[in-house]
Amino acid sequence: MKTITCSDRIYYDELLPEEAQAIRQDILLYHSILHTTYRYLTLKARGIPFPFEESLHKELKRRYHTNDYFPCAAQWEAQHQLKADFENHERWKKSLKARVKSVEKKIRKTEKEIQRLDKQLAQLKQKTKQGKQTQEDYLLEVQVLRPTRKQLKNQRSQLIFKLNRTQQQLSTANQKMRFTCFGGKKLSRSRMTVYAGNHEAWLEEYQYQRNKTMMIPGRRQGKYSNCLFKYHLEEGVLVYRCSSENR
């Protein structure tokens, strides 16, 4: 079977007001179902059972009074998002472990250099006690050995601080899972910084970032549709069946 994929933009101002409002309501409905589904799946991943006896799909249909397609699509996206979160979390822990090993290796190398310089300084000190120090020895100690040793000790202090911070991050990663924050953690935290004193502007941007798209996966039995979107090849008309009626 030949498949033709095309893309075109449909703007809200090109639609009738009631059609645009119906799509906006469906997008809000879809994301509300998605966020609820994701929260329940994260609880299940932590070992906390569902607070209801029926399946998650039936609970979503009962709570939101909608058809099968929105809960199915939201559950599909939430499961994939949770799977991606677990993979990213494992990748993050692996990166932290590699960083710890790298910093520890640098610390050992720096300490060896400091020990080597201490040994040279001790030899020069012994040479001075014996009255055999030359001008070249003095310049080597003052201009090279001691400044280099001071610099290496500063580097070691910075590396130890970096090691402690990375180990703390790794310990936190082993105890706590990093889950998705819909809308973005950066935007969520900006409520008290960038948008301080302007809550309405922050809320508008945050709601837009949380509810700006909707993805309904296709079905095998749908030749030119996914049961909500259907494209009629002969007429060139795209039909969308919203949660209330056909649009």
Protein backbone atom coordinates (compact mmCIF):
# COMPACT_ATOMS: atom_id res chain seq x y z
CA MET A 1 0.00 0.00 0.00
CA LYS A 2 1.38 3.39 -0.98
CA THR A 3 1.52 5.97 1.81
CA ILE A 4 1.60 9.72 1.28
CA THR A 5 2.55 11.93 4.21
CA CYS A 6 1.83 15.65 4.02
CA SER A 7 1.83 18.48 6.51
CA ASP A 8 -0.06 21.75 6.66
CA ARG A 9 -0.75 24.30 9.35
CA ILE A 10 -4.24 25.14 10.51
CA TYR A 11 -4.47 28.28 12.62
CA TYR A 12 -7.15 29.02 15.16
CA ASP A 13 -8.14 32.25 13.40
CA GLU A 14 -8.92 30.24 10.24
CA LEU A 15 -11.57 28.25 12.11
CA LEU A 16 -14.96 29.21 13.43
CA PRO A 17 -14.91 30.41 17.05
CA GLU A 18 -16.81 27.36 18.30
CA GLU A 19 -14.46 25.03 16.39
CA ALA A 20 -11.35 26.68 17.81
CA GLN A 21 -12.81 26.58 21.30
CA ALA A 22 -13.65 22.88 20.93
CA ILE A 23 -10.05 22.08 19.96
CA ARG A 24 -8.68 24.12 22.87
CA GLN A 25 -10.95 22.33 25.30
CA ASP A 26 -9.88 18.95 23.92
CA ILE A 27 -6.20 19.85 24.28
CA LEU A 28 -6.77 20.88 27.90
CA LEU A 29 -8.75 17.69 28.49
CA TYR A 30 -6.02 15.55 26.94
CA HIS A 31 -3.26 17.10 29.05
CA SER A 32 -5.31 16.83 32.20
CA ILE A 33 -5.71 13.11 31.50
CA LEU A 34 -2.01 12.85 30.62
CA HIS A 35 -0.83 14.49 33.85
CA THR A 36 -3.18 12.35 35.95
CA THR A 37 -2.04 9.18 34.16
CA TYR A 38 1.61 10.05 34.60
CA ARG A 39 1.11 10.72 38.31
CA TYR A 40 -0.57 7.34 38.84
CA LEU A 41 2.15 5.55 36.86
CA THR A 42 4.89 7.20 38.92
CA LEU A 43 3.15 6.07 42.11
CA LYS A 44 2.96 2.54 40.75
CA ALA A 45 6.66 2.67 39.84
CA ARG A 46 7.41 3.57 43.47
CA GLY A 47 5.48 0.55 44.69
CA ILE A 48 2.33 2.44 45.71
CA PRO A 49 -0.84 0.71 44.42
CA PHE A 50 -3.62 2.56 42.61
CA PRO A 51 -6.25 4.06 44.95
CA PHE A 52 -9.01 2.40 42.92
CA GLU A 53 -9.92 -1.19 42.12
CA GLU A 54 -10.64 -0.89 38.38
CA SER A 55 -8.04 -0.54 35.65
CA LEU A 56 -6.40 2.82 35.02
CA HIS A 57 -8.13 3.13 31.66
CA LYS A 58 -11.60 2.65 33.17
CA GLU A 59 -10.81 5.05 35.99
CA LEU A 60 -9.79 7.76 33.51
CA LYS A 61 -12.96 7.24 31.48
CA ARG A 62 -15.08 7.43 34.61
CA ARG A 63 -13.35 10.53 35.94
CA TYR A 64 -13.27 12.56 32.71
CA HIS A 65 -16.44 11.21 31.05
CA THR A 66 -14.80 10.84 27.65
CA ASN A 67 -14.33 8.21 24.94
CA ASP A 68 -11.57 5.60 24.71
CA TYR A 69 -9.20 7.54 22.48
CA PHE A 70 -8.08 10.29 24.85
CA PRO A 71 -7.30 7.94 27.79
CA CYS A 72 -5.56 5.45 25.46
CA ALA A 73 -3.42 8.16 23.86
CA ALA A 74 -2.61 9.77 27.21
CA GLN A 75 -1.72 6.42 28.76
CA TRP A 76 0.48 5.54 25.79
CA GLU A 77 2.36 8.86 25.99
CA ALA A 78 2.67 8.72 29.79
CA GLN A 79 4.13 5.20 29.67
CA HIS A 80 6.70 6.23 27.07
CA GLN A 81 7.55 9.38 29.03
CA LEU A 82 8.04 7.37 32.22
CA LYS A 83 10.22 4.87 30.36
CA ALA A 84 12.31 7.74 29.00
CA ASP A 85 12.61 9.16 32.53
CA PHE A 86 13.99 5.86 33.84
CA GLU A 87 16.46 5.65 30.96
CA ASN A 88 17.58 9.26 31.45
CA HIS A 89 17.93 8.69 35.19
CA GLU A 90 20.12 5.63 34.68
CA ARG A 91 22.17 7.57 32.14
CA TRP A 92 22.53 10.41 34.64
CA LYS A 93 23.74 8.05 37.39
CA LYS A 94 26.19 6.43 34.99
CA SER A 95 27.52 9.87 34.09
CA LEU A 96 27.94 10.78 37.77
CA LYS A 97 29.83 7.54 38.47
CA ALA A 98 32.17 8.19 35.55
CA ARG A 99 32.69 11.75 36.78
CA VAL A 100 33.55 10.50 40.28
CA LYS A 101 36.17 8.12 38.89
CA SER A 102 37.63 10.85 36.71
CA VAL A 103 37.91 13.32 39.59
CA GLU A 104 39.43 10.70 41.90
CA LYS A 105 42.02 9.92 39.24
CA LYS A 106 42.90 13.62 38.93
CA ILE A 107 43.20 13.92 42.71
CA ARG A 108 45.61 10.97 42.88
CA LYS A 109 47.68 12.44 40.06
CA THR A 110 47.79 15.85 41.75
CA GLU A 111 48.81 14.32 45.09
CA LYS A 112 51.65 12.44 43.40
CA GLU A 113 52.90 15.71 41.90
CA ILE A 114 52.71 17.40 45.31
CA GLN A 115 54.64 14.52 46.91
CA ARG A 116 57.29 14.77 44.19
CA LEU A 117 57.68 18.51 44.82
CA ASP A 118 57.82 17.97 48.59
CA LYS A 119 60.61 15.48 48.05
CA GLN A 120 62.57 17.97 45.94
CA LEU A 121 62.03 20.72 48.51
CA ALA A 122 63.21 18.41 51.28
CA GLN A 123 66.38 17.66 49.31
CA LEU A 124 67.03 21.38 48.82
CA LYS A 125 66.43 22.01 52.52
CA GLN A 126 68.92 19.31 53.44
CA LYS A 127 71.37 20.78 50.96
CA THR A 128 70.98 24.20 52.59
CA LYS A 129 71.69 22.77 56.05
CA GLN A 130 74.91 21.30 54.68
CA GLY A 131 75.86 24.69 53.23
CA LYS A 132 75.89 23.39 49.67
CA GLN A 133 72.99 25.47 48.27
CA THR A 134 73.76 27.39 45.08
CA GLN A 135 72.02 30.36 43.49
CA GLU A 136 70.39 28.05 40.94
CA ASP A 137 68.97 25.94 43.77
CA TYR A 138 67.52 29.02 45.46
CA LEU A 139 65.90 30.29 42.25
CA LEU A 140 64.52 26.82 41.51
CA GLU A 141 62.92 26.68 44.96
CA VAL A 142 61.51 30.23 44.99
CA GLN A 143 60.45 30.64 41.35
CA VAL A 144 59.41 27.10 40.37
CA LEU A 145 58.90 24.55 43.13
CA ARG A 146 57.01 26.55 45.77
CA PRO A 147 54.63 28.39 43.31
CA THR A 148 53.93 25.12 41.52
CA ARG A 149 53.25 23.35 44.82
CA LYS A 150 50.86 26.11 45.92
CA GLN A 151 49.04 25.94 42.60
CA LEU A 152 48.70 22.15 42.81
CA LYS A 153 47.35 22.35 46.36
CA ASN A 154 44.71 24.83 45.21
CA GLN A 155 43.79 22.49 42.37
CA ARG A 156 43.52 19.59 44.81
CA SER A 157 41.17 21.59 47.03
CA GLN A 158 38.95 22.40 44.07
CA LEU A 159 38.95 18.77 42.94
CA ILE A 160 38.02 17.57 46.43
CA PHE A 161 35.12 20.04 46.49
CA LYS A 162 34.00 18.83 43.07
CA LEU A 163 34.29 15.20 44.21
CA ASN A 164 32.17 15.81 47.31
CA ARG A 165 29.51 17.61 45.29
CA THR A 166 29.39 14.86 42.66
CA GLN A 167 29.20 12.14 45.31
CA GLN A 168 26.33 14.00 46.96
CA GLN A 169 24.52 14.21 43.61
CA LEU A 170 25.09 10.49 43.08
CA SER A 171 23.76 9.68 46.54
CA THR A 172 20.65 11.78 45.84
CA ALA A 173 20.20 10.09 42.45
CA ASN A 174 20.34 6.65 44.10
CA GLN A 175 17.67 7.64 46.61
CA LYS A 176 15.37 9.82 44.51
CA MET A 177 14.08 9.45 40.97
CA ARG A 178 14.02 12.42 38.60
CA PHE A 179 10.54 12.57 37.09
CA THR A 180 9.18 14.85 34.38
CA CYS A 181 7.89 18.29 35.30
CA PHE A 182 5.31 19.19 32.67
CA GLY A 183 5.89 22.77 31.62
CA GLY A 184 9.55 22.65 32.60
CA LYS A 185 11.31 22.94 35.96
CA LYS A 186 13.07 26.12 34.89
CA LEU A 187 9.80 27.87 34.11
CA SER A 188 8.22 26.50 37.28
CA ARG A 189 11.01 27.93 39.43
CA SER A 190 10.95 31.27 37.59
CA ARG A 191 7.65 32.08 39.34
CA MET A 192 9.67 33.47 42.26
CA THR A 193 12.51 34.98 40.20
CA VAL A 194 11.87 36.17 36.65
CA TYR A 195 8.09 36.45 37.09
CA ALA A 196 8.19 37.68 40.69
CA GLY A 197 5.27 40.06 41.21
CA ASN A 198 3.73 39.13 37.85
CA HIS A 199 1.88 35.93 38.62
CA GLU A 200 -0.67 36.30 35.81
CA ALA A 201 2.03 36.44 33.10
CA TRP A 202 3.79 33.44 34.62
CA LEU A 203 0.56 31.45 34.87
CA GLU A 204 -0.33 32.17 31.25
CA GLU A 205 3.10 31.05 30.01
CA TYR A 206 3.15 28.02 32.29
CA GLN A 207 -0.28 26.84 31.17
CA TYR A 208 0.72 27.32 27.54
CA GLN A 209 3.87 25.24 27.95
CA ARG A 210 1.91 22.50 29.72
CA ASN A 211 -0.98 22.36 27.25
CA LYS A 212 0.31 23.40 23.83
CA THR A 213 0.23 20.11 21.89
CA MET A 214 -1.82 16.95 21.61
CA MET A 215 -0.68 13.71 19.98
CA ILE A 216 -3.15 10.92 19.20
CA PRO A 217 -1.42 7.74 17.93
CA GLY A 218 -2.83 5.92 14.93
CA ARG A 219 -4.61 2.58 14.81
CA ARG A 220 -3.88 -0.39 12.59
CA GLN A 221 -7.46 -0.62 11.40
CA GLY A 222 -7.49 3.06 10.39
CA LYS A 223 -6.39 3.42 6.77
CA TYR A 224 -6.39 7.21 6.64
CA SER A 225 -7.21 8.03 10.25
CA ASN A 226 -6.62 7.36 13.92
CA CYS A 227 -10.32 7.42 14.85
CA LEU A 228 -10.22 11.09 15.85
CA PHE A 229 -8.56 12.62 12.79
CA LYS A 230 -9.66 11.40 9.39
CA TYR A 231 -8.55 12.73 6.02
CA HIS A 232 -10.83 12.21 3.02
CA LEU A 233 -8.61 11.86 -0.03
CA GLU A 234 -11.31 12.54 -2.62
CA GLU A 235 -12.64 15.72 -1.03
CA GLY A 236 -9.35 16.85 0.54
CA VAL A 237 -11.14 17.42 3.84
CA LEU A 238 -9.74 16.74 7.30
CA VAL A 239 -12.40 15.76 9.84
CA TYR A 240 -11.72 15.94 13.55
CA ARG A 241 -14.06 14.30 16.01
CA CYS A 242 -13.86 16.24 19.23
CA SER A 243 -14.99 15.01 22.62
CA SER A 244 -18.41 16.65 22.27
CA GLU A 245 -19.33 16.31 18.59
CA ASN A 246 -17.85 16.10 15.08
CA ARG A 247 -16.04 19.23 13.86
